[in-house]
Amino acid sequence: MSAEFPATVVITTRNRRDDLRRAVASAVTQDPRPEVLVLDDGSTDDTSRMIREEFPSVGLERSERSLGLVTQRNRGAKLAKGSIIFSIDDDAIFSTPRVIAQTLGDFDDRRIGAVAIPHIHIRQSEKLHHRAPDHHQAHITGCFVGTAYAIRRDLFLQLDGFRDFFVHQGEEPDFCIRL
């Protein structure tokens, strides 16, 4: 892992400034503190300005035109400094400030390539998604959703990331099959 950051949180966004604010706030308050990268996919709602002004420690990469969220996730993985990449959608938040610490522990076993992590869809409800049936034990699943996951950066890059012809949705099952 990077000496500076134990992990990198990548958040892709497009025209969801207010939702993004909550997602970034949930990322920067994690313990241990991760590197946080926001990839703005051509927003026209002052998203980038909000990040620069309210979260000056957050890395920001802005595309003038939309490249698609899948392409931006791949781009974020290449830019990440941490060896474990956490990705959350701009309308999701981490369920607690300890999600990164707890999830990093799951990667102690080299056989673990990716982890589906608990998250809250703020546009839907405060319901916790991707919660293991027994929170005291690991739960094995064959796939994760792009809303919230963690993955070994080296594996992600080795497998050439997500296939961007999926544009939005469908990339995760394809990646999990290749993983």
N, C-alpha and C. Protein backbone atom coordinates (compact mmCIF):
# COMPACT_ATOMS: atom_id res chain seq x y z
N MET A 1 0.83 -1.18 0.00
CA MET A 1 0.00 0.00 0.00
C MET A 1 0.87 1.24 0.00
N SER A 2 0.33 2.32 -0.50
CA SER A 2 1.04 3.58 -0.51
C SER A 2 1.34 4.01 0.92
N ALA A 3 2.54 4.53 1.14
CA ALA A 3 2.90 5.00 2.47
C ALA A 3 2.05 6.20 2.87
N GLU A 4 1.69 7.03 1.88
CA GLU A 4 0.93 8.24 2.16
C GLU A 4 -0.55 7.93 2.40
N PHE A 5 -1.12 7.07 1.58
CA PHE A 5 -2.54 6.73 1.69
C PHE A 5 -2.70 5.22 1.68
N PRO A 6 -3.51 4.67 2.60
CA PRO A 6 -3.75 3.23 2.58
C PRO A 6 -4.65 2.79 1.43
N ALA A 7 -5.42 3.75 0.91
CA ALA A 7 -6.39 3.42 -0.14
C ALA A 7 -6.74 4.69 -0.89
N THR A 8 -7.37 4.50 -2.04
CA THR A 8 -7.88 5.62 -2.83
C THR A 8 -9.37 5.43 -3.04
N VAL A 9 -10.14 6.48 -2.78
CA VAL A 9 -11.57 6.48 -3.07
C VAL A 9 -11.75 7.24 -4.38
N VAL A 10 -12.36 6.58 -5.36
CA VAL A 10 -12.64 7.18 -6.66
C VAL A 10 -14.15 7.41 -6.74
N ILE A 11 -14.53 8.66 -7.03
CA ILE A 11 -15.94 9.00 -7.18
C ILE A 11 -16.11 9.66 -8.54
N THR A 12 -16.88 9.02 -9.40
CA THR A 12 -17.19 9.61 -10.71
C THR A 12 -18.51 10.35 -10.60
N THR A 13 -18.63 11.44 -11.35
CA THR A 13 -19.83 12.26 -11.22
C THR A 13 -20.13 13.01 -12.50
N ARG A 14 -21.40 13.34 -12.65
CA ARG A 14 -21.84 14.22 -13.74
C ARG A 14 -23.14 14.89 -13.32
N ASN A 15 -23.06 16.17 -13.09
CA ASN A 15 -24.22 17.02 -12.78
C ASN A 15 -25.01 16.54 -11.55
N ARG A 16 -24.30 16.16 -10.52
CA ARG A 16 -24.96 15.80 -9.26
C ARG A 16 -24.21 16.45 -8.09
N ARG A 17 -23.98 17.72 -8.22
CA ARG A 17 -23.18 18.47 -7.25
C ARG A 17 -23.64 18.25 -5.81
N ASP A 18 -24.91 18.36 -5.55
CA ASP A 18 -25.39 18.28 -4.16
C ASP A 18 -25.27 16.87 -3.60
N ASP A 19 -25.56 15.86 -4.41
CA ASP A 19 -25.36 14.48 -3.97
C ASP A 19 -23.87 14.21 -3.76
N LEU A 20 -23.06 14.69 -4.69
CA LEU A 20 -21.61 14.48 -4.61
C LEU A 20 -21.04 15.04 -3.31
N ARG A 21 -21.53 16.16 -2.88
CA ARG A 21 -21.06 16.77 -1.62
C ARG A 21 -21.15 15.77 -0.47
N ARG A 22 -22.26 15.06 -0.37
CA ARG A 22 -22.43 14.06 0.70
C ARG A 22 -21.50 12.87 0.50
N ALA A 23 -21.34 12.42 -0.74
CA ALA A 23 -20.45 11.29 -1.02
C ALA A 23 -19.01 11.63 -0.63
N VAL A 24 -18.55 12.81 -1.04
CA VAL A 24 -17.18 13.22 -0.72
C VAL A 24 -17.00 13.39 0.78
N ALA A 25 -17.98 13.99 1.45
CA ALA A 25 -17.89 14.16 2.91
C ALA A 25 -17.77 12.80 3.60
N SER A 26 -18.48 11.79 3.10
CA SER A 26 -18.39 10.47 3.72
C SER A 26 -17.04 9.81 3.46
N ALA A 27 -16.38 10.20 2.36
CA ALA A 27 -15.07 9.64 2.03
C ALA A 27 -13.95 10.31 2.81
N VAL A 28 -13.98 11.63 2.93
CA VAL A 28 -12.88 12.33 3.61
C VAL A 28 -12.90 12.14 5.12
N THR A 29 -13.99 11.64 5.65
CA THR A 29 -14.05 11.40 7.11
C THR A 29 -13.72 9.96 7.48
N GLN A 30 -13.30 9.16 6.50
CA GLN A 30 -12.95 7.77 6.78
C GLN A 30 -11.67 7.70 7.61
N ASP A 31 -11.58 6.66 8.42
CA ASP A 31 -10.40 6.40 9.23
C ASP A 31 -9.96 4.97 8.95
N PRO A 32 -8.78 4.78 8.36
CA PRO A 32 -7.75 5.76 8.04
C PRO A 32 -8.13 6.61 6.84
N ARG A 33 -7.52 7.78 6.77
CA ARG A 33 -7.85 8.74 5.71
C ARG A 33 -7.33 8.25 4.36
N PRO A 34 -8.21 8.14 3.38
CA PRO A 34 -7.80 7.73 2.04
C PRO A 34 -7.46 8.93 1.15
N GLU A 35 -6.80 8.65 0.07
CA GLU A 35 -6.73 9.63 -1.01
C GLU A 35 -8.14 9.65 -1.61
N VAL A 36 -8.66 10.80 -1.94
CA VAL A 36 -9.99 10.90 -2.55
C VAL A 36 -9.82 11.61 -3.90
N LEU A 37 -10.30 10.94 -4.95
CA LEU A 37 -10.27 11.50 -6.31
C LEU A 37 -11.69 11.62 -6.84
N VAL A 38 -12.03 12.79 -7.34
CA VAL A 38 -13.31 13.00 -8.00
C VAL A 38 -13.03 13.17 -9.48
N LEU A 39 -13.73 12.39 -10.29
CA LEU A 39 -13.62 12.50 -11.74
C LEU A 39 -14.92 13.09 -12.26
N ASP A 40 -14.86 14.35 -12.65
CA ASP A 40 -16.03 15.08 -13.14
C ASP A 40 -16.16 14.83 -14.64
N ASP A 41 -17.23 14.16 -15.01
CA ASP A 41 -17.46 13.75 -16.40
C ASP A 41 -18.21 14.82 -17.19
N GLY A 42 -17.62 16.02 -17.26
CA GLY A 42 -18.20 17.08 -18.07
C GLY A 42 -19.41 17.76 -17.46
N SER A 43 -19.46 17.86 -16.14
CA SER A 43 -20.60 18.51 -15.48
C SER A 43 -20.75 19.96 -15.91
N THR A 44 -22.00 20.43 -15.89
CA THR A 44 -22.30 21.82 -16.22
C THR A 44 -22.95 22.54 -15.04
N ASP A 45 -22.90 21.94 -13.84
CA ASP A 45 -23.57 22.50 -12.66
C ASP A 45 -22.59 23.01 -11.60
N ASP A 46 -21.40 23.40 -12.00
CA ASP A 46 -20.37 23.92 -11.07
C ASP A 46 -19.87 22.86 -10.09
N THR A 47 -19.97 21.61 -10.45
CA THR A 47 -19.47 20.52 -9.62
C THR A 47 -18.00 20.72 -9.27
N SER A 48 -17.18 20.97 -10.27
CA SER A 48 -15.74 21.11 -10.03
C SER A 48 -15.43 22.27 -9.11
N ARG A 49 -16.12 23.38 -9.29
CA ARG A 49 -15.90 24.54 -8.41
C ARG A 49 -16.24 24.18 -6.97
N MET A 50 -17.35 23.48 -6.76
CA MET A 50 -17.74 23.08 -5.40
C MET A 50 -16.65 22.23 -4.77
N ILE A 51 -16.10 21.27 -5.51
CA ILE A 51 -15.05 20.42 -4.96
C ILE A 51 -13.83 21.25 -4.60
N ARG A 52 -13.38 22.12 -5.51
CA ARG A 52 -12.19 22.96 -5.23
C ARG A 52 -12.40 23.84 -4.01
N GLU A 53 -13.58 24.41 -3.87
CA GLU A 53 -13.84 25.34 -2.76
C GLU A 53 -14.10 24.64 -1.43
N GLU A 54 -14.88 23.56 -1.44
CA GLU A 54 -15.29 22.93 -0.19
C GLU A 54 -14.40 21.78 0.26
N PHE A 55 -13.69 21.17 -0.69
CA PHE A 55 -12.84 20.02 -0.38
C PHE A 55 -11.47 20.19 -1.05
N PRO A 56 -10.69 21.18 -0.61
CA PRO A 56 -9.42 21.46 -1.29
C PRO A 56 -8.40 20.32 -1.24
N SER A 57 -8.55 19.39 -0.32
CA SER A 57 -7.61 18.26 -0.23
C SER A 57 -7.96 17.12 -1.19
N VAL A 58 -9.11 17.22 -1.83
CA VAL A 58 -9.59 16.17 -2.72
C VAL A 58 -9.01 16.39 -4.12
N GLY A 59 -8.49 15.32 -4.72
CA GLY A 59 -8.01 15.40 -6.09
C GLY A 59 -9.19 15.53 -7.04
N LEU A 60 -9.03 16.34 -8.07
CA LEU A 60 -10.11 16.58 -9.02
C LEU A 60 -9.56 16.47 -10.44
N GLU A 61 -10.20 15.65 -11.23
CA GLU A 61 -9.89 15.53 -12.66
C GLU A 61 -11.18 15.80 -13.39
N ARG A 62 -11.16 16.82 -14.24
CA ARG A 62 -12.38 17.20 -14.96
C ARG A 62 -12.20 16.99 -16.45
N SER A 63 -13.19 16.37 -17.06
CA SER A 63 -13.24 16.24 -18.51
C SER A 63 -14.18 17.31 -19.03
N GLU A 64 -13.77 18.01 -20.05
CA GLU A 64 -14.61 19.07 -20.62
C GLU A 64 -15.87 18.48 -21.28
N ARG A 65 -15.73 17.29 -21.86
CA ARG A 65 -16.89 16.63 -22.44
C ARG A 65 -17.06 15.27 -21.76
N SER A 66 -18.26 14.77 -21.76
CA SER A 66 -18.55 13.49 -21.11
C SER A 66 -17.86 12.35 -21.84
N LEU A 67 -17.14 11.54 -21.07
CA LEU A 67 -16.49 10.33 -21.60
C LEU A 67 -17.24 9.08 -21.16
N GLY A 68 -18.14 9.24 -20.20
CA GLY A 68 -18.88 8.11 -19.63
C GLY A 68 -18.30 7.71 -18.29
N LEU A 69 -19.17 7.30 -17.39
CA LEU A 69 -18.74 6.97 -16.03
C LEU A 69 -17.83 5.76 -15.98
N VAL A 70 -18.03 4.79 -16.86
CA VAL A 70 -17.18 3.60 -16.89
C VAL A 70 -15.76 4.00 -17.29
N THR A 71 -15.63 4.81 -18.31
CA THR A 71 -14.32 5.30 -18.73
C THR A 71 -13.67 6.09 -17.60
N GLN A 72 -14.45 6.88 -16.90
CA GLN A 72 -13.90 7.67 -15.79
C GLN A 72 -13.44 6.78 -14.63
N ARG A 73 -14.16 5.70 -14.35
CA ARG A 73 -13.70 4.76 -13.30
C ARG A 73 -12.36 4.15 -13.68
N ASN A 74 -12.21 3.78 -14.93
CA ASN A 74 -10.92 3.25 -15.39
C ASN A 74 -9.83 4.30 -15.26
N ARG A 75 -10.14 5.50 -15.63
CA ARG A 75 -9.18 6.61 -15.52
C ARG A 75 -8.79 6.83 -14.06
N GLY A 76 -9.76 6.78 -13.16
CA GLY A 76 -9.49 6.95 -11.74
C GLY A 76 -8.55 5.88 -11.21
N ALA A 77 -8.72 4.65 -11.67
CA ALA A 77 -7.84 3.55 -11.23
C ALA A 77 -6.40 3.80 -11.65
N LYS A 78 -6.23 4.34 -12.84
CA LYS A 78 -4.87 4.63 -13.31
C LYS A 78 -4.23 5.77 -12.52
N LEU A 79 -5.02 6.72 -12.07
CA LEU A 79 -4.51 7.87 -11.33
C LEU A 79 -4.31 7.58 -9.84
N ALA A 80 -4.96 6.56 -9.32
CA ALA A 80 -4.94 6.25 -7.89
C ALA A 80 -3.53 5.96 -7.38
N LYS A 81 -3.27 6.41 -6.16
CA LYS A 81 -1.99 6.12 -5.50
C LYS A 81 -2.08 4.91 -4.59
N GLY A 82 -3.25 4.63 -4.06
CA GLY A 82 -3.43 3.51 -3.15
C GLY A 82 -3.45 2.18 -3.87
N SER A 83 -3.06 1.12 -3.18
CA SER A 83 -3.09 -0.21 -3.80
C SER A 83 -4.47 -0.84 -3.75
N ILE A 84 -5.35 -0.29 -2.93
CA ILE A 84 -6.75 -0.71 -2.89
C ILE A 84 -7.59 0.49 -3.31
N ILE A 85 -8.43 0.26 -4.32
CA ILE A 85 -9.31 1.32 -4.81
C ILE A 85 -10.71 1.07 -4.27
N PHE A 86 -11.26 2.10 -3.68
CA PHE A 86 -12.66 2.10 -3.25
C PHE A 86 -13.39 2.99 -4.25
N SER A 87 -14.52 2.53 -4.73
CA SER A 87 -15.31 3.33 -5.65
C SER A 87 -16.71 3.44 -5.07
N ILE A 88 -17.20 4.68 -5.02
CA ILE A 88 -18.60 4.89 -4.66
C ILE A 88 -19.20 5.83 -5.70
N ASP A 89 -20.48 5.65 -5.93
CA ASP A 89 -21.19 6.55 -6.83
C ASP A 89 -21.39 7.90 -6.15
N ASP A 90 -21.65 8.90 -6.96
CA ASP A 90 -21.86 10.24 -6.42
C ASP A 90 -23.15 10.36 -5.61
N ASP A 91 -24.03 9.39 -5.71
CA ASP A 91 -25.26 9.42 -4.92
C ASP A 91 -25.27 8.33 -3.85
N ALA A 92 -24.08 7.93 -3.43
CA ALA A 92 -23.95 6.93 -2.36
C ALA A 92 -23.03 7.48 -1.29
N ILE A 93 -23.17 6.96 -0.09
CA ILE A 93 -22.27 7.33 1.00
C ILE A 93 -21.83 6.06 1.72
N PHE A 94 -20.67 6.14 2.35
CA PHE A 94 -20.22 5.04 3.19
C PHE A 94 -21.13 4.98 4.41
N SER A 95 -21.40 3.77 4.88
CA SER A 95 -22.36 3.60 5.97
C SER A 95 -21.81 4.03 7.33
N THR A 96 -20.49 3.98 7.50
CA THR A 96 -19.85 4.43 8.75
C THR A 96 -18.48 4.99 8.40
N PRO A 97 -17.85 5.72 9.33
CA PRO A 97 -16.49 6.23 9.09
C PRO A 97 -15.42 5.14 9.15
N ARG A 98 -15.79 3.92 9.43
CA ARG A 98 -14.83 2.82 9.55
C ARG A 98 -14.90 1.82 8.39
N VAL A 99 -15.66 2.10 7.36
CA VAL A 99 -15.81 1.17 6.25
C VAL A 99 -14.47 0.86 5.61
N ILE A 100 -13.66 1.86 5.37
CA ILE A 100 -12.36 1.61 4.73
C ILE A 100 -11.48 0.76 5.61
N ALA A 101 -11.39 1.07 6.89
CA ALA A 101 -10.57 0.27 7.81
C ALA A 101 -11.04 -1.18 7.83
N GLN A 102 -12.33 -1.39 7.95
CA GLN A 102 -12.86 -2.75 8.00
C GLN A 102 -12.62 -3.49 6.69
N THR A 103 -12.81 -2.81 5.58
CA THR A 103 -12.66 -3.45 4.28
C THR A 103 -11.20 -3.75 3.97
N LEU A 104 -10.30 -2.87 4.34
CA LEU A 104 -8.87 -3.14 4.12
C LEU A 104 -8.47 -4.44 4.80
N GLY A 105 -9.06 -4.73 5.96
CA GLY A 105 -8.78 -5.99 6.65
C GLY A 105 -9.18 -7.21 5.84
N ASP A 106 -10.20 -7.08 4.99
CA ASP A 106 -10.62 -8.19 4.14
C ASP A 106 -9.56 -8.55 3.11
N PHE A 107 -8.69 -7.62 2.79
CA PHE A 107 -7.65 -7.86 1.79
C PHE A 107 -6.39 -8.49 2.37
N ASP A 108 -6.43 -8.88 3.64
CA ASP A 108 -5.28 -9.58 4.24
C ASP A 108 -5.03 -10.91 3.55
N ASP A 109 -6.04 -11.50 2.99
CA ASP A 109 -5.93 -12.76 2.26
C ASP A 109 -5.73 -12.42 0.78
N ARG A 110 -4.61 -12.81 0.19
CA ARG A 110 -4.30 -12.48 -1.21
C ARG A 110 -5.31 -13.06 -2.20
N ARG A 111 -6.12 -14.04 -1.76
CA ARG A 111 -7.13 -14.62 -2.66
C ARG A 111 -8.31 -13.68 -2.87
N ILE A 112 -8.41 -12.66 -2.03
CA ILE A 112 -9.50 -11.70 -2.16
C ILE A 112 -9.09 -10.63 -3.16
N GLY A 113 -9.84 -10.53 -4.25
CA GLY A 113 -9.54 -9.56 -5.29
C GLY A 113 -10.42 -8.32 -5.22
N ALA A 114 -11.67 -8.52 -4.77
CA ALA A 114 -12.62 -7.42 -4.71
C ALA A 114 -13.59 -7.66 -3.55
N VAL A 115 -14.14 -6.58 -3.05
CA VAL A 115 -15.09 -6.66 -1.93
C VAL A 115 -16.28 -5.76 -2.25
N ALA A 116 -17.47 -6.32 -2.16
CA ALA A 116 -18.70 -5.52 -2.25
C ALA A 116 -18.89 -4.90 -0.87
N ILE A 117 -18.97 -3.59 -0.82
CA ILE A 117 -19.03 -2.95 0.50
C ILE A 117 -20.40 -2.34 0.77
N PRO A 118 -20.78 -2.30 2.04
CA PRO A 118 -22.06 -1.71 2.41
C PRO A 118 -22.11 -0.23 2.03
N HIS A 119 -23.28 0.22 1.60
CA HIS A 119 -23.44 1.61 1.21
C HIS A 119 -24.91 2.00 1.32
N ILE A 120 -25.14 3.30 1.26
CA ILE A 120 -26.49 3.85 1.31
C ILE A 120 -26.72 4.66 0.04
N HIS A 121 -27.81 4.35 -0.68
CA HIS A 121 -28.21 5.15 -1.86
C HIS A 121 -29.00 6.34 -1.34
N ILE A 122 -28.40 7.50 -1.31
CA ILE A 122 -29.08 8.65 -0.69
C ILE A 122 -30.30 9.12 -1.47
N ARG A 123 -30.40 8.79 -2.74
CA ARG A 123 -31.58 9.19 -3.53
C ARG A 123 -32.76 8.25 -3.31
N GLN A 124 -32.50 7.06 -2.73
CA GLN A 124 -33.56 6.08 -2.55
C GLN A 124 -34.08 6.05 -1.12
N SER A 125 -33.16 5.82 -0.18
CA SER A 125 -33.55 5.72 1.22
C SER A 125 -32.27 5.65 2.06
N GLU A 126 -32.45 5.49 3.34
CA GLU A 126 -31.30 5.32 4.24
C GLU A 126 -30.99 3.84 4.46
N LYS A 127 -31.58 2.97 3.65
CA LYS A 127 -31.38 1.53 3.75
C LYS A 127 -29.94 1.16 3.39
N LEU A 128 -29.38 0.24 4.15
CA LEU A 128 -28.02 -0.24 3.91
C LEU A 128 -28.06 -1.38 2.89
N HIS A 129 -27.30 -1.21 1.80
CA HIS A 129 -27.23 -2.22 0.74
C HIS A 129 -25.92 -2.99 0.85
N HIS A 130 -25.90 -4.20 0.32
CA HIS A 130 -24.73 -5.09 0.29
C HIS A 130 -24.22 -5.43 1.69
N ARG A 131 -25.15 -5.62 2.56
CA ARG A 131 -24.81 -6.01 3.92
C ARG A 131 -24.77 -7.53 3.98
N ALA A 132 -23.70 -8.06 4.58
CA ALA A 132 -23.58 -9.51 4.72
C ALA A 132 -24.69 -10.03 5.63
N PRO A 133 -25.17 -11.26 5.41
CA PRO A 133 -26.23 -11.82 6.25
C PRO A 133 -25.85 -11.86 7.74
N ASP A 134 -24.58 -12.10 8.02
CA ASP A 134 -24.07 -12.10 9.39
C ASP A 134 -22.89 -11.14 9.42
N HIS A 135 -23.06 -10.00 10.07
CA HIS A 135 -22.00 -8.98 10.03
C HIS A 135 -20.74 -9.37 10.80
N HIS A 136 -20.74 -10.53 11.42
CA HIS A 136 -19.55 -11.01 12.13
C HIS A 136 -18.69 -11.91 11.25
N GLN A 137 -19.16 -12.24 10.08
CA GLN A 137 -18.43 -13.16 9.20
C GLN A 137 -18.38 -12.62 7.78
N ALA A 138 -17.35 -13.04 7.06
CA ALA A 138 -17.26 -12.70 5.64
C ALA A 138 -18.36 -13.43 4.88
N HIS A 139 -18.81 -12.83 3.82
CA HIS A 139 -19.86 -13.40 2.98
C HIS A 139 -19.32 -13.41 1.55
N ILE A 140 -19.27 -14.56 0.93
CA ILE A 140 -18.74 -14.67 -0.42
C ILE A 140 -19.85 -14.43 -1.43
N THR A 141 -19.56 -13.57 -2.41
CA THR A 141 -20.51 -13.27 -3.47
C THR A 141 -19.76 -13.30 -4.80
N GLY A 142 -20.46 -13.55 -5.86
CA GLY A 142 -19.83 -13.67 -7.17
C GLY A 142 -19.71 -12.36 -7.93
N CYS A 143 -20.32 -11.29 -7.40
CA CYS A 143 -20.32 -10.03 -8.14
C CYS A 143 -20.51 -8.86 -7.18
N PHE A 144 -20.11 -7.70 -7.62
CA PHE A 144 -20.35 -6.47 -6.87
C PHE A 144 -21.02 -5.48 -7.81
N VAL A 145 -21.59 -4.43 -7.24
CA VAL A 145 -22.16 -3.36 -8.07
C VAL A 145 -21.24 -2.16 -8.00
N GLY A 146 -21.27 -1.36 -9.06
CA GLY A 146 -20.38 -0.22 -9.14
C GLY A 146 -20.66 0.87 -8.12
N THR A 147 -21.81 0.81 -7.49
CA THR A 147 -22.16 1.83 -6.51
C THR A 147 -21.15 1.89 -5.37
N ALA A 148 -20.67 0.74 -4.92
CA ALA A 148 -19.71 0.72 -3.82
C ALA A 148 -18.96 -0.62 -3.81
N TYR A 149 -17.67 -0.53 -4.07
CA TYR A 149 -16.83 -1.73 -4.05
C TYR A 149 -15.40 -1.31 -3.75
N ALA A 150 -14.60 -2.29 -3.40
CA ALA A 150 -13.15 -2.09 -3.24
C ALA A 150 -12.47 -3.18 -4.04
N ILE A 151 -11.32 -2.84 -4.62
CA ILE A 151 -10.63 -3.80 -5.49
C ILE A 151 -9.14 -3.55 -5.44
N ARG A 152 -8.39 -4.61 -5.60
CA ARG A 152 -6.93 -4.47 -5.70
C ARG A 152 -6.62 -3.74 -7.01
N ARG A 153 -5.91 -2.64 -6.89
CA ARG A 153 -5.59 -1.83 -8.07
C ARG A 153 -4.80 -2.63 -9.10
N ASP A 154 -3.82 -3.42 -8.64
CA ASP A 154 -2.99 -4.16 -9.60
C ASP A 154 -3.82 -5.15 -10.41
N LEU A 155 -4.79 -5.82 -9.79
CA LEU A 155 -5.66 -6.75 -10.53
C LEU A 155 -6.56 -6.01 -11.51
N PHE A 156 -7.11 -4.90 -11.06
CA PHE A 156 -7.98 -4.11 -11.92
C PHE A 156 -7.25 -3.69 -13.18
N LEU A 157 -6.04 -3.19 -13.01
CA LEU A 157 -5.25 -2.74 -14.16
C LEU A 157 -4.79 -3.92 -15.02
N GLN A 158 -4.43 -5.02 -14.37
CA GLN A 158 -4.00 -6.23 -15.11
C GLN A 158 -5.10 -6.74 -16.03
N LEU A 159 -6.36 -6.62 -15.57
CA LEU A 159 -7.50 -7.07 -16.37
C LEU A 159 -8.05 -5.97 -17.27
N ASP A 160 -7.32 -4.88 -17.40
CA ASP A 160 -7.72 -3.73 -18.23
C ASP A 160 -9.02 -3.08 -17.78
N GLY A 161 -9.32 -3.18 -16.50
CA GLY A 161 -10.45 -2.48 -15.93
C GLY A 161 -11.78 -2.90 -16.53
N PHE A 162 -12.71 -1.96 -16.46
CA PHE A 162 -14.04 -2.21 -17.02
C PHE A 162 -13.99 -2.02 -18.52
N ARG A 163 -14.81 -2.76 -19.23
CA ARG A 163 -14.92 -2.58 -20.67
C ARG A 163 -15.87 -1.41 -20.90
N ASP A 164 -15.34 -0.33 -21.47
CA ASP A 164 -16.13 0.89 -21.55
C ASP A 164 -17.22 0.89 -22.62
N PHE A 165 -17.29 -0.18 -23.41
CA PHE A 165 -18.42 -0.24 -24.35
C PHE A 165 -19.73 -0.47 -23.62
N PHE A 166 -19.66 -0.84 -22.33
CA PHE A 166 -20.90 -0.99 -21.55
C PHE A 166 -21.52 0.37 -21.23
N VAL A 167 -20.75 1.43 -21.29
CA VAL A 167 -21.15 2.81 -21.04
C VAL A 167 -21.61 3.01 -19.59
N HIS A 168 -22.71 2.38 -19.21
CA HIS A 168 -23.22 2.52 -17.84
C HIS A 168 -24.10 1.31 -17.55
N GLN A 169 -23.72 0.53 -16.59
CA GLN A 169 -24.37 -0.69 -16.13
C GLN A 169 -23.99 -1.89 -17.01
N GLY A 170 -23.71 -2.97 -16.35
CA GLY A 170 -23.31 -4.20 -17.03
C GLY A 170 -21.82 -4.45 -16.96
N GLU A 171 -21.06 -3.41 -16.66
CA GLU A 171 -19.61 -3.56 -16.61
C GLU A 171 -19.13 -4.41 -15.43
N GLU A 172 -19.85 -4.34 -14.32
CA GLU A 172 -19.41 -5.07 -13.13
C GLU A 172 -19.52 -6.59 -13.29
N PRO A 173 -20.67 -7.14 -13.74
CA PRO A 173 -20.71 -8.59 -13.93
C PRO A 173 -19.67 -9.09 -14.91
N ASP A 174 -19.45 -8.35 -16.00
CA ASP A 174 -18.42 -8.72 -16.97
C ASP A 174 -17.05 -8.74 -16.30
N PHE A 175 -16.75 -7.72 -15.53
CA PHE A 175 -15.44 -7.66 -14.86
C PHE A 175 -15.30 -8.82 -13.86
N CYS A 176 -16.36 -9.08 -13.10
CA CYS A 176 -16.30 -10.15 -12.09
C CYS A 176 -16.08 -11.51 -12.73
N ILE A 177 -16.64 -11.74 -13.89
CA ILE A 177 -16.40 -13.00 -14.61
C ILE A 177 -14.91 -13.10 -14.97
N ARG A 178 -14.35 -12.01 -15.48
CA ARG A 178 -12.92 -12.02 -15.84
C ARG A 178 -12.04 -12.12 -14.61
N LEU A 179 -12.46 -11.56 -13.49
CA LEU A 179 -11.70 -11.61 -12.25
C LEU A 179 -11.63 -13.05 -11.75
